[in-house]
Amino acid sequence: MELEVHVIHYLIVSTIMMFCGIYGFFTRKNLLALLISVELMLNAANINFSVCNRYLFPDALEGHFFSLFGIAIAAAETAVAIAIIINVYRNVKQVLTDDITDLKG
């Protein structure tokens, strides 16, 4: 018996990932948790690129190239964000969003 996975199943997973990322971004105070939430949202977008490419244009690879480009952007964003978080931790000794306002002035 062969199980077939339809486009709606991928889109449901992507939607759940996107809403988990949005919820985490607005509810967390830790900078690392915010970074993980942003990564969840970027990965949900990458899933959408691949799924739309697979089901709308199965012979083309544009969606997959967009996904690879999104992964590269996410890696660069993560490197910069972790460098900023390390700098904040060196100055404030915590990585909570409330403490970043202490860096002003």
PDB file of N, CA and C in Angstrom:
ATOM      1  N   MET A   1       0.849  -1.178   0.000  1.00  0.00           N
ATOM      2  CA  MET A   1       0.000   0.000   0.000  1.00  0.00           C
ATOM      3  C   MET A   1       0.894   1.241   0.000  1.00  0.00           C
ATOM      4  N   GLU A   2       0.670   2.096  -0.956  1.00  0.00           N
ATOM      5  CA  GLU A   2       1.501   3.285  -1.106  1.00  0.00           C
ATOM      6  C   GLU A   2       0.769   4.500  -0.550  1.00  0.00           C
ATOM      7  N   LEU A   3       1.451   5.215   0.342  1.00  0.00           N
ATOM      8  CA  LEU A   3       0.903   6.448   0.893  1.00  0.00           C
ATOM      9  C   LEU A   3       1.367   7.622   0.055  1.00  0.00           C
ATOM     10  N   GLU A   4       0.434   8.440  -0.337  1.00  0.00           N
ATOM     11  CA  GLU A   4       0.769   9.605  -1.142  1.00  0.00           C
ATOM     12  C   GLU A   4       0.597  10.857  -0.286  1.00  0.00           C
ATOM     13  N   VAL A   5       1.607  11.688  -0.273  1.00  0.00           N
ATOM     14  CA  VAL A   5       1.562  12.926   0.483  1.00  0.00           C
ATOM     15  C   VAL A   5       1.174  14.046  -0.471  1.00  0.00           C
ATOM     16  N   HIS A   6       0.072  14.697  -0.178  1.00  0.00           N
ATOM     17  CA  HIS A   6      -0.432  15.759  -1.040  1.00  0.00           C
ATOM     18  C   HIS A   6       0.142  17.099  -0.614  1.00  0.00           C
ATOM     19  N   VAL A   7      -0.052  18.087  -1.459  1.00  0.00           N
ATOM     20  CA  VAL A   7       0.488  19.420  -1.220  1.00  0.00           C
ATOM     21  C   VAL A   7      -0.078  20.029   0.060  1.00  0.00           C
ATOM     22  N   ILE A   8      -1.306  19.699   0.394  1.00  0.00           N
ATOM     23  CA  ILE A   8      -1.927  20.289   1.587  1.00  0.00           C
ATOM     24  C   ILE A   8      -1.205  19.863   2.853  1.00  0.00           C
ATOM     25  N   HIS A   9      -0.648  18.655   2.879  1.00  0.00           N
ATOM     26  CA  HIS A   9       0.079  18.190   4.062  1.00  0.00           C
ATOM     27  C   HIS A   9       1.356  19.010   4.276  1.00  0.00           C
ATOM     28  N   TYR A  10       2.067  19.292   3.198  1.00  0.00           N
ATOM     29  CA  TYR A  10       3.263  20.132   3.299  1.00  0.00           C
ATOM     30  C   TYR A  10       2.899  21.541   3.737  1.00  0.00           C
ATOM     31  N   LEU A  11       1.815  22.058   3.196  1.00  0.00           N
ATOM     32  CA  LEU A  11       1.411  23.413   3.546  1.00  0.00           C
ATOM     33  C   LEU A  11       0.936  23.513   4.991  1.00  0.00           C
ATOM     34  N   ILE A  12       0.331  22.451   5.497  1.00  0.00           N
ATOM     35  CA  ILE A  12      -0.077  22.435   6.910  1.00  0.00           C
ATOM     36  C   ILE A  12       1.153  22.467   7.808  1.00  0.00           C
ATOM     37  N   VAL A  13       2.161  21.655   7.479  1.00  0.00           N
ATOM     38  CA  VAL A  13       3.403  21.657   8.264  1.00  0.00           C
ATOM     39  C   VAL A  13       4.059  23.026   8.206  1.00  0.00           C
ATOM     40  N   SER A  14       4.095  23.616   7.025  1.00  0.00           N
ATOM     41  CA  SER A  14       4.695  24.937   6.864  1.00  0.00           C
ATOM     42  C   SER A  14       3.923  26.001   7.649  1.00  0.00           C
ATOM     43  N   THR A  15       2.620  25.922   7.639  1.00  0.00           N
ATOM     44  CA  THR A  15       1.802  26.885   8.382  1.00  0.00           C
ATOM     45  C   THR A  15       2.017  26.744   9.879  1.00  0.00           C
ATOM     46  N   ILE A  16       2.075  25.517  10.361  1.00  0.00           N
ATOM     47  CA  ILE A  16       2.329  25.302  11.788  1.00  0.00           C
ATOM     48  C   ILE A  16       3.698  25.850  12.177  1.00  0.00           C
ATOM     49  N   MET A  17       4.700  25.609  11.333  1.00  0.00           N
ATOM     50  CA  MET A  17       6.031  26.148  11.615  1.00  0.00           C
ATOM     51  C   MET A  17       6.017  27.665  11.629  1.00  0.00           C
ATOM     52  N   MET A  18       5.324  28.275  10.686  1.00  0.00           N
ATOM     53  CA  MET A  18       5.274  29.739  10.616  1.00  0.00           C
ATOM     54  C   MET A  18       4.604  30.321  11.858  1.00  0.00           C
ATOM     55  N   PHE A  19       3.478  29.749  12.268  1.00  0.00           N
ATOM     56  CA  PHE A  19       2.783  30.285  13.434  1.00  0.00           C
ATOM     57  C   PHE A  19       3.547  30.023  14.728  1.00  0.00           C
ATOM     58  N   CYS A  20       4.258  28.896  14.818  1.00  0.00           N
ATOM     59  CA  CYS A  20       5.115  28.663  15.984  1.00  0.00           C
ATOM     60  C   CYS A  20       6.227  29.699  16.034  1.00  0.00           C
ATOM     61  N   GLY A  21       6.798  30.034  14.880  1.00  0.00           N
ATOM     62  CA  GLY A  21       7.832  31.055  14.828  1.00  0.00           C
ATOM     63  C   GLY A  21       7.305  32.431  15.203  1.00  0.00           C
ATOM     64  N   ILE A  22       6.132  32.783  14.700  1.00  0.00           N
ATOM     65  CA  ILE A  22       5.539  34.087  15.026  1.00  0.00           C
ATOM     66  C   ILE A  22       5.205  34.163  16.506  1.00  0.00           C
ATOM     67  N   TYR A  23       4.614  33.098  17.038  1.00  0.00           N
ATOM     68  CA  TYR A  23       4.281  33.065  18.463  1.00  0.00           C
ATOM     69  C   TYR A  23       5.534  33.182  19.324  1.00  0.00           C
ATOM     70  N   GLY A  24       6.574  32.435  18.961  1.00  0.00           N
ATOM     71  CA  GLY A  24       7.815  32.496  19.717  1.00  0.00           C
ATOM     72  C   GLY A  24       8.474  33.862  19.635  1.00  0.00           C
ATOM     73  N   PHE A  25       8.398  34.494  18.476  1.00  0.00           N
ATOM     74  CA  PHE A  25       9.016  35.810  18.311  1.00  0.00           C
ATOM     75  C   PHE A  25       8.347  36.857  19.190  1.00  0.00           C
ATOM     76  N   PHE A  26       7.034  36.790  19.319  1.00  0.00           N
ATOM     77  CA  PHE A  26       6.330  37.807  20.091  1.00  0.00           C
ATOM     78  C   PHE A  26       6.239  37.505  21.580  1.00  0.00           C
ATOM     79  N   THR A  27       6.495  36.271  21.993  1.00  0.00           N
ATOM     80  CA  THR A  27       6.330  35.936  23.406  1.00  0.00           C
ATOM     81  C   THR A  27       7.643  35.743  24.150  1.00  0.00           C
ATOM     82  N   ARG A  28       8.738  35.478  23.481  1.00  0.00           N
ATOM     83  CA  ARG A  28      10.011  35.198  24.156  1.00  0.00           C
ATOM     84  C   ARG A  28      10.772  36.483  24.438  1.00  0.00           C
ATOM     85  N   LYS A  29      11.544  36.450  25.516  1.00  0.00           N
ATOM     86  CA  LYS A  29      12.381  37.597  25.867  1.00  0.00           C
ATOM     87  C   LYS A  29      13.860  37.283  25.671  1.00  0.00           C
ATOM     88  N   ASN A  30      14.208  36.029  25.532  1.00  0.00           N
ATOM     89  CA  ASN A  30      15.595  35.625  25.337  1.00  0.00           C
ATOM     90  C   ASN A  30      15.966  35.826  23.868  1.00  0.00           C
ATOM     91  N   LEU A  31      17.132  36.422  23.628  1.00  0.00           N
ATOM     92  CA  LEU A  31      17.539  36.705  22.250  1.00  0.00           C
ATOM     93  C   LEU A  31      17.785  35.435  21.442  1.00  0.00           C
ATOM     94  N   LEU A  32      18.283  34.387  22.085  1.00  0.00           N
ATOM     95  CA  LEU A  32      18.488  33.127  21.361  1.00  0.00           C
ATOM     96  C   LEU A  32      17.161  32.488  20.967  1.00  0.00           C
ATOM     97  N   ALA A  33      16.157  32.588  21.830  1.00  0.00           N
ATOM     98  CA  ALA A  33      14.834  32.074  21.490  1.00  0.00           C
ATOM     99  C   ALA A  33      14.227  32.869  20.338  1.00  0.00           C
ATOM    100  N   LEU A  34      14.477  34.181  20.306  1.00  0.00           N
ATOM    101  CA  LEU A  34      14.003  34.995  19.185  1.00  0.00           C
ATOM    102  C   LEU A  34      14.682  34.570  17.886  1.00  0.00           C
ATOM    103  N   LEU A  35      15.966  34.277  17.962  1.00  0.00           N
ATOM    104  CA  LEU A  35      16.701  33.828  16.776  1.00  0.00           C
ATOM    105  C   LEU A  35      16.151  32.498  16.266  1.00  0.00           C
ATOM    106  N   ILE A  36      15.851  31.584  17.164  1.00  0.00           N
ATOM    107  CA  ILE A  36      15.283  30.296  16.768  1.00  0.00           C
ATOM    108  C   ILE A  36      13.910  30.497  16.123  1.00  0.00           C
ATOM    109  N   SER A  37      13.130  31.437  16.647  1.00  0.00           N
ATOM    110  CA  SER A  37      11.810  31.716  16.069  1.00  0.00           C
ATOM    111  C   SER A  37      11.929  32.273  14.655  1.00  0.00           C
ATOM    112  N   VAL A  38      12.901  33.146  14.438  1.00  0.00           N
ATOM    113  CA  VAL A  38      13.117  33.684  13.086  1.00  0.00           C
ATOM    114  C   VAL A  38      13.543  32.564  12.141  1.00  0.00           C
ATOM    115  N   GLU A  39      14.384  31.658  12.622  1.00  0.00           N
ATOM    116  CA  GLU A  39      14.808  30.521  11.794  1.00  0.00           C
ATOM    117  C   GLU A  39      13.614  29.631  11.428  1.00  0.00           C
ATOM    118  N   LEU A  40      12.697  29.428  12.355  1.00  0.00           N
ATOM    119  CA  LEU A  40      11.486  28.656  12.056  1.00  0.00           C
ATOM    120  C   LEU A  40      10.680  29.309  10.938  1.00  0.00           C
ATOM    121  N   MET A  41      10.547  30.628  11.002  1.00  0.00           N
ATOM    122  CA  MET A  41       9.784  31.328   9.966  1.00  0.00           C
ATOM    123  C   MET A  41      10.483  31.244   8.612  1.00  0.00           C
ATOM    124  N   LEU A  42      11.803  31.365   8.594  1.00  0.00           N
ATOM    125  CA  LEU A  42      12.537  31.249   7.331  1.00  0.00           C
ATOM    126  C   LEU A  42      12.427  29.839   6.749  1.00  0.00           C
ATOM    127  N   ASN A  43      12.484  28.822   7.605  1.00  0.00           N
ATOM    128  CA  ASN A  43      12.352  27.451   7.115  1.00  0.00           C
ATOM    129  C   ASN A  43      10.942  27.159   6.603  1.00  0.00           C
ATOM    130  N   ALA A  44       9.938  27.771   7.212  1.00  0.00           N
ATOM    131  CA  ALA A  44       8.576  27.614   6.695  1.00  0.00           C
ATOM    132  C   ALA A  44       8.464  28.214   5.295  1.00  0.00           C
ATOM    133  N   ALA A  45       9.097  29.357   5.079  1.00  0.00           N
ATOM    134  CA  ALA A  45       9.087  29.960   3.743  1.00  0.00           C
ATOM    135  C   ALA A  45       9.835  29.080   2.743  1.00  0.00           C
ATOM    136  N   ASN A  46      10.943  28.476   3.161  1.00  0.00           N
ATOM    137  CA  ASN A  46      11.689  27.579   2.274  1.00  0.00           C
ATOM    138  C   ASN A  46      10.868  26.349   1.887  1.00  0.00           C
ATOM    139  N   ILE A  47      10.105  25.823   2.817  1.00  0.00           N
ATOM    140  CA  ILE A  47       9.225  24.686   2.498  1.00  0.00           C
ATOM    141  C   ILE A  47       8.194  25.113   1.460  1.00  0.00           C
ATOM    142  N   ASN A  48       7.637  26.307   1.633  1.00  0.00           N
ATOM    143  CA  ASN A  48       6.653  26.799   0.664  1.00  0.00           C
ATOM    144  C   ASN A  48       7.257  26.957  -0.723  1.00  0.00           C
ATOM    145  N   PHE A  49       8.490  27.476  -0.805  1.00  0.00           N
ATOM    146  CA  PHE A  49       9.158  27.603  -2.101  1.00  0.00           C
ATOM    147  C   PHE A  49       9.290  26.250  -2.778  1.00  0.00           C
ATOM    148  N   SER A  50       9.756  25.262  -2.046  1.00  0.00           N
ATOM    149  CA  SER A  50       9.975  23.938  -2.634  1.00  0.00           C
ATOM    150  C   SER A  50       8.671  23.263  -3.037  1.00  0.00           C
ATOM    151  N   VAL A  51       7.664  23.363  -2.183  1.00  0.00           N
ATOM    152  CA  VAL A  51       6.387  22.710  -2.468  1.00  0.00           C
ATOM    153  C   VAL A  51       5.706  23.358  -3.677  1.00  0.00           C
ATOM    154  N   CYS A  52       5.695  24.681  -3.716  1.00  0.00           N
ATOM    155  CA  CYS A  52       5.069  25.353  -4.860  1.00  0.00           C
ATOM    156  C   CYS A  52       5.803  25.029  -6.150  1.00  0.00           C
ATOM    157  N   ASN A  53       7.123  24.952  -6.083  1.00  0.00           N
ATOM    158  CA  ASN A  53       7.878  24.585  -7.271  1.00  0.00           C
ATOM    159  C   ASN A  53       7.552  23.154  -7.697  1.00  0.00           C
ATOM    160  N   ARG A  54       7.494  22.247  -6.771  1.00  0.00           N
ATOM    161  CA  ARG A  54       7.270  20.829  -7.078  1.00  0.00           C
ATOM    162  C   ARG A  54       5.902  20.583  -7.706  1.00  0.00           C
ATOM    163  N   TYR A  55       4.879  21.280  -7.199  1.00  0.00           N
ATOM    164  CA  TYR A  55       3.528  21.007  -7.667  1.00  0.00           C
ATOM    165  C   TYR A  55       3.068  21.922  -8.798  1.00  0.00           C
ATOM    166  N   LEU A  56       3.642  23.107  -8.922  1.00  0.00           N
ATOM    167  CA  LEU A  56       3.225  24.001  -9.994  1.00  0.00           C
ATOM    168  C   LEU A  56       4.095  23.861 -11.235  1.00  0.00           C
ATOM    169  N   PHE A  57       5.403  23.737 -11.028  1.00  0.00           N
ATOM    170  CA  PHE A  57       6.355  23.635 -12.143  1.00  0.00           C
ATOM    171  C   PHE A  57       7.333  22.496 -11.864  1.00  0.00           C
ATOM    172  N   PRO A  58       6.913  21.253 -12.056  1.00  0.00           N
ATOM    173  CA  PRO A  58       7.761  20.119 -11.655  1.00  0.00           C
ATOM    174  C   PRO A  58       9.061  19.997 -12.440  1.00  0.00           C
ATOM    175  N   ASP A  59       9.140  20.561 -13.634  1.00  0.00           N
ATOM    176  CA  ASP A  59      10.370  20.448 -14.414  1.00  0.00           C
ATOM    177  C   ASP A  59      11.356  21.574 -14.134  1.00  0.00           C
ATOM    178  N   ALA A  60      10.923  22.631 -13.481  1.00  0.00           N
ATOM    179  CA  ALA A  60      11.791  23.781 -13.205  1.00  0.00           C
ATOM    180  C   ALA A  60      12.393  23.644 -11.808  1.00  0.00           C
ATOM    181  N   LEU A  61      13.453  24.399 -11.569  1.00  0.00           N
ATOM    182  CA  LEU A  61      14.141  24.333 -10.282  1.00  0.00           C
ATOM    183  C   LEU A  61      14.194  25.678  -9.562  1.00  0.00           C
ATOM    184  N   GLU A  62      13.399  26.646  -9.990  1.00  0.00           N
ATOM    185  CA  GLU A  62      13.477  27.965  -9.386  1.00  0.00           C
ATOM    186  C   GLU A  62      13.149  27.946  -7.899  1.00  0.00           C
ATOM    187  N   GLY A  63      12.136  27.203  -7.495  1.00  0.00           N
ATOM    188  CA  GLY A  63      11.764  27.125  -6.085  1.00  0.00           C
ATOM    189  C   GLY A  63      12.867  26.542  -5.230  1.00  0.00           C
ATOM    190  N   HIS A  64      13.554  25.551  -5.771  1.00  0.00           N
ATOM    191  CA  HIS A  64      14.656  24.949  -5.027  1.00  0.00           C
ATOM    192  C   HIS A  64      15.830  25.913  -4.920  1.00  0.00           C
ATOM    193  N   PHE A  65      16.071  26.690  -5.973  1.00  0.00           N
ATOM    194  CA  PHE A  65      17.140  27.686  -5.907  1.00  0.00           C
ATOM    195  C   PHE A  65      16.791  28.786  -4.907  1.00  0.00           C
ATOM    196  N   PHE A  66      15.516  29.183  -4.861  1.00  0.00           N
ATOM    197  CA  PHE A  66      15.100  30.154  -3.857  1.00  0.00           C
ATOM    198  C   PHE A  66      15.297  29.589  -2.457  1.00  0.00           C
ATOM    199  N   SER A  67      15.000  28.307  -2.271  1.00  0.00           N
ATOM    200  CA  SER A  67      15.202  27.674  -0.970  1.00  0.00           C
ATOM    201  C   SER A  67      16.677  27.660  -0.586  1.00  0.00           C
ATOM    202  N   LEU A  68      17.544  27.314  -1.534  1.00  0.00           N
ATOM    203  CA  LEU A  68      18.978  27.323  -1.246  1.00  0.00           C
ATOM    204  C   LEU A  68      19.460  28.737  -0.929  1.00  0.00           C
ATOM    205  N   PHE A  69      18.960  29.713  -1.643  1.00  0.00           N
ATOM    206  CA  PHE A  69      19.310  31.099  -1.363  1.00  0.00           C
ATOM    207  C   PHE A  69      18.806  31.499   0.025  1.00  0.00           C
ATOM    208  N   GLY A  70      17.606  31.056   0.382  1.00  0.00           N
ATOM    209  CA  GLY A  70      17.061  31.328   1.720  1.00  0.00           C
ATOM    210  C   GLY A  70      17.888  30.687   2.815  1.00  0.00           C
ATOM    211  N   ILE A  71      18.396  29.482   2.565  1.00  0.00           N
ATOM    212  CA  ILE A  71      19.254  28.814   3.545  1.00  0.00           C
ATOM    213  C   ILE A  71      20.555  29.591   3.719  1.00  0.00           C
ATOM    214  N   ALA A  72      21.117  30.083   2.628  1.00  0.00           N
ATOM    215  CA  ALA A  72      22.350  30.880   2.707  1.00  0.00           C
ATOM    216  C   ALA A  72      22.110  32.177   3.472  1.00  0.00           C
ATOM    217  N   ILE A  73      20.987  32.831   3.212  1.00  0.00           N
ATOM    218  CA  ILE A  73      20.638  34.055   3.937  1.00  0.00           C
ATOM    219  C   ILE A  73      20.452  33.758   5.420  1.00  0.00           C
ATOM    220  N   ALA A  74      19.806  32.642   5.738  1.00  0.00           N
ATOM    221  CA  ALA A  74      19.586  32.267   7.138  1.00  0.00           C
ATOM    222  C   ALA A  74      20.909  31.998   7.848  1.00  0.00           C
ATOM    223  N   ALA A  75      21.856  31.372   7.158  1.00  0.00           N
ATOM    224  CA  ALA A  75      23.159  31.103   7.768  1.00  0.00           C
ATOM    225  C   ALA A  75      23.900  32.403   8.050  1.00  0.00           C
ATOM    226  N   ALA A  76      23.876  33.334   7.107  1.00  0.00           N
ATOM    227  CA  ALA A  76      24.538  34.628   7.317  1.00  0.00           C
ATOM    228  C   ALA A  76      23.854  35.417   8.432  1.00  0.00           C
ATOM    229  N   GLU A  77      22.538  35.390   8.440  1.00  0.00           N
ATOM    230  CA  GLU A  77      21.785  36.090   9.482  1.00  0.00           C
ATOM    231  C   GLU A  77      22.076  35.504  10.851  1.00  0.00           C
ATOM    232  N   THR A  78      22.204  34.188  10.931  1.00  0.00           N
ATOM    233  CA  THR A  78      22.504  33.540  12.208  1.00  0.00           C
ATOM    234  C   THR A  78      23.889  33.916  12.701  1.00  0.00           C
ATOM    235  N   ALA A  79      24.866  33.959  11.815  1.00  0.00           N
ATOM    236  CA  ALA A  79      26.224  34.323  12.212  1.00  0.00           C
ATOM    237  C   ALA A  79      26.269  35.752  12.750  1.00  0.00           C
ATOM    238  N   VAL A  80      25.607  36.674  12.076  1.00  0.00           N
ATOM    239  CA  VAL A  80      25.591  38.066  12.531  1.00  0.00           C
ATOM    240  C   VAL A  80      24.825  38.195  13.842  1.00  0.00           C
ATOM    241  N   ALA A  81      23.691  37.512  13.955  1.00  0.00           N
ATOM    242  CA  ALA A  81      22.874  37.603  15.164  1.00  0.00           C
ATOM    243  C   ALA A  81      23.611  37.020  16.372  1.00  0.00           C
ATOM    244  N   ILE A  82      24.305  35.913  16.190  1.00  0.00           N
ATOM    245  CA  ILE A  82      25.039  35.333  17.315  1.00  0.00           C
ATOM    246  C   ILE A  82      26.187  36.246  17.729  1.00  0.00           C
ATOM    247  N   ALA A  83      26.837  36.895  16.768  1.00  0.00           N
ATOM    248  CA  ALA A  83      27.887  37.856  17.111  1.00  0.00           C
ATOM    249  C   ALA A  83      27.315  39.021  17.917  1.00  0.00           C
ATOM    250  N   ILE A  84      26.146  39.504  17.543  1.00  0.00           N
ATOM    251  CA  ILE A  84      25.504  40.584  18.288  1.00  0.00           C
ATOM    252  C   ILE A  84      25.109  40.110  19.683  1.00  0.00           C
ATOM    253  N   ILE A  85      24.570  38.906  19.786  1.00  0.00           N
ATOM    254  CA  ILE A  85      24.162  38.369  21.081  1.00  0.00           C
ATOM    255  C   ILE A  85      25.376  38.202  22.002  1.00  0.00           C
ATOM    256  N   ILE A  86      26.490  37.736  21.467  1.00  0.00           N
ATOM    257  CA  ILE A  86      27.706  37.600  22.277  1.00  0.00           C
ATOM    258  C   ILE A  86      28.170  38.968  22.758  1.00  0.00           C
ATOM    259  N   ASN A  87      28.095  39.976  21.891  1.00  0.00           N
ATOM    260  CA  ASN A  87      28.478  41.331  22.288  1.00  0.00           C
ATOM    261  C   ASN A  87      27.564  41.873  23.378  1.00  0.00           C
ATOM    262  N   VAL A  88      26.272  41.643  23.261  1.00  0.00           N
ATOM    263  CA  VAL A  88      25.326  42.084  24.283  1.00  0.00           C
ATOM    264  C   VAL A  88      25.616  41.373  25.596  1.00  0.00           C
ATOM    265  N   TYR A  89      25.909  40.086  25.533  1.00  0.00           N
ATOM    266  CA  TYR A  89      26.187  39.333  26.758  1.00  0.00           C
ATOM    267  C   TYR A  89      27.455  39.844  27.439  1.00  0.00           C
ATOM    268  N   ARG A  90      28.468  40.214  26.667  1.00  0.00           N
ATOM    269  CA  ARG A  90      29.700  40.746  27.259  1.00  0.00           C
ATOM    270  C   ARG A  90      29.455  42.064  27.983  1.00  0.00           C
ATOM    271  N   ASN A  91      28.534  42.872  27.470  1.00  0.00           N
ATOM    272  CA  ASN A  91      28.275  44.180  28.081  1.00  0.00           C
ATOM    273  C   ASN A  91      27.266  44.122  29.220  1.00  0.00           C
ATOM    274  N   VAL A  92      26.232  43.302  29.092  1.00  0.00           N
ATOM    275  CA  VAL A  92      25.126  43.320  30.042  1.00  0.00           C
ATOM    276  C   VAL A  92      25.113  42.085  30.948  1.00  0.00           C
ATOM    277  N   LYS A  93      25.749  41.010  30.538  1.00  0.00           N
ATOM    278  CA  LYS A  93      25.786  39.732  31.258  1.00  0.00           C
ATOM    279  C   LYS A  93      24.458  38.990  31.248  1.00  0.00           C
ATOM    280  N   GLN A  94      23.539  39.384  30.382  1.00  0.00           N
ATOM    281  CA  GLN A  94      22.285  38.665  30.146  1.00  0.00           C
ATOM    282  C   GLN A  94      21.910  38.846  28.691  1.00  0.00           C
ATOM    283  N   VAL A  95      21.057  37.946  28.203  1.00  0.00           N
ATOM    284  CA  VAL A  95      20.620  38.043  26.807  1.00  0.00           C
ATOM    285  C   VAL A  95      19.098  38.173  26.722  1.00  0.00           C
ATOM    286  N   LEU A  96      18.554  39.023  27.573  1.00  0.00           N
ATOM    287  CA  LEU A  96      17.111  39.276  27.542  1.00  0.00           C
ATOM    288  C   LEU A  96      16.856  40.584  26.804  1.00  0.00           C
ATOM    289  N   THR A  97      15.720  40.665  26.127  1.00  0.00           N
ATOM    290  CA  THR A  97      15.422  41.859  25.333  1.00  0.00           C
ATOM    291  C   THR A  97      15.213  43.083  26.209  1.00  0.00           C
ATOM    292  N   ASP A  98      14.792  42.922  27.445  1.00  0.00           N
ATOM    293  CA  ASP A  98      14.594  44.066  28.333  1.00  0.00           C
ATOM    294  C   ASP A  98      15.921  44.744  28.671  1.00  0.00           C
ATOM    295  N   ASP A  99      17.005  43.977  28.669  1.00  0.00           N
ATOM    296  CA  ASP A  99      18.294  44.523  29.057  1.00  0.00           C
ATOM    297  C   ASP A  99      18.984  45.272  27.922  1.00  0.00           C
ATOM    298  N   ILE A 100      18.510  45.127  26.714  1.00  0.00           N
ATOM    299  CA  ILE A 100      19.154  45.806  25.585  1.00  0.00           C
ATOM    300  C   ILE A 100      18.919  47.310  25.668  1.00  0.00           C
ATOM    301  N   THR A 101      17.834  47.737  26.275  1.00  0.00           N
ATOM    302  CA  THR A 101      17.578  49.172  26.405  1.00  0.00           C
ATOM    303  C   THR A 101      18.609  49.831  27.322  1.00  0.00           C
ATOM    304  N   ASP A 102      19.292  49.056  28.153  1.00  0.00           N
ATOM    305  CA  ASP A 102      20.349  49.610  29.014  1.00  0.00           C
ATOM    306  C   ASP A 102      21.566  50.040  28.211  1.00  0.00           C
ATOM    307  N   LEU A 103      21.700  49.579  26.969  1.00  0.00           N
ATOM    308  CA  LEU A 103      22.856  49.923  26.145  1.00  0.00           C
ATOM    309  C   LEU A 103      22.742  51.320  25.563  1.00  0.00           C
ATOM    310  N   LYS A 104      21.568  51.927  25.602  1.00  0.00           N
ATOM    311  CA  LYS A 104      21.405  53.274  25.049  1.00  0.00           C
ATOM    312  C   LYS A 104      22.100  54.286  25.950  1.00  0.00           C
ATOM    313  N   GLY A 105      22.676  55.288  25.300  1.00  0.00           N
ATOM    314  CA  GLY A 105      23.262  56.413  26.035  1.00  0.00           C
ATOM    315  C   GLY A 105      24.531  56.045  26.629  1.00  0.00           C
TER     316      GLY A 105
END
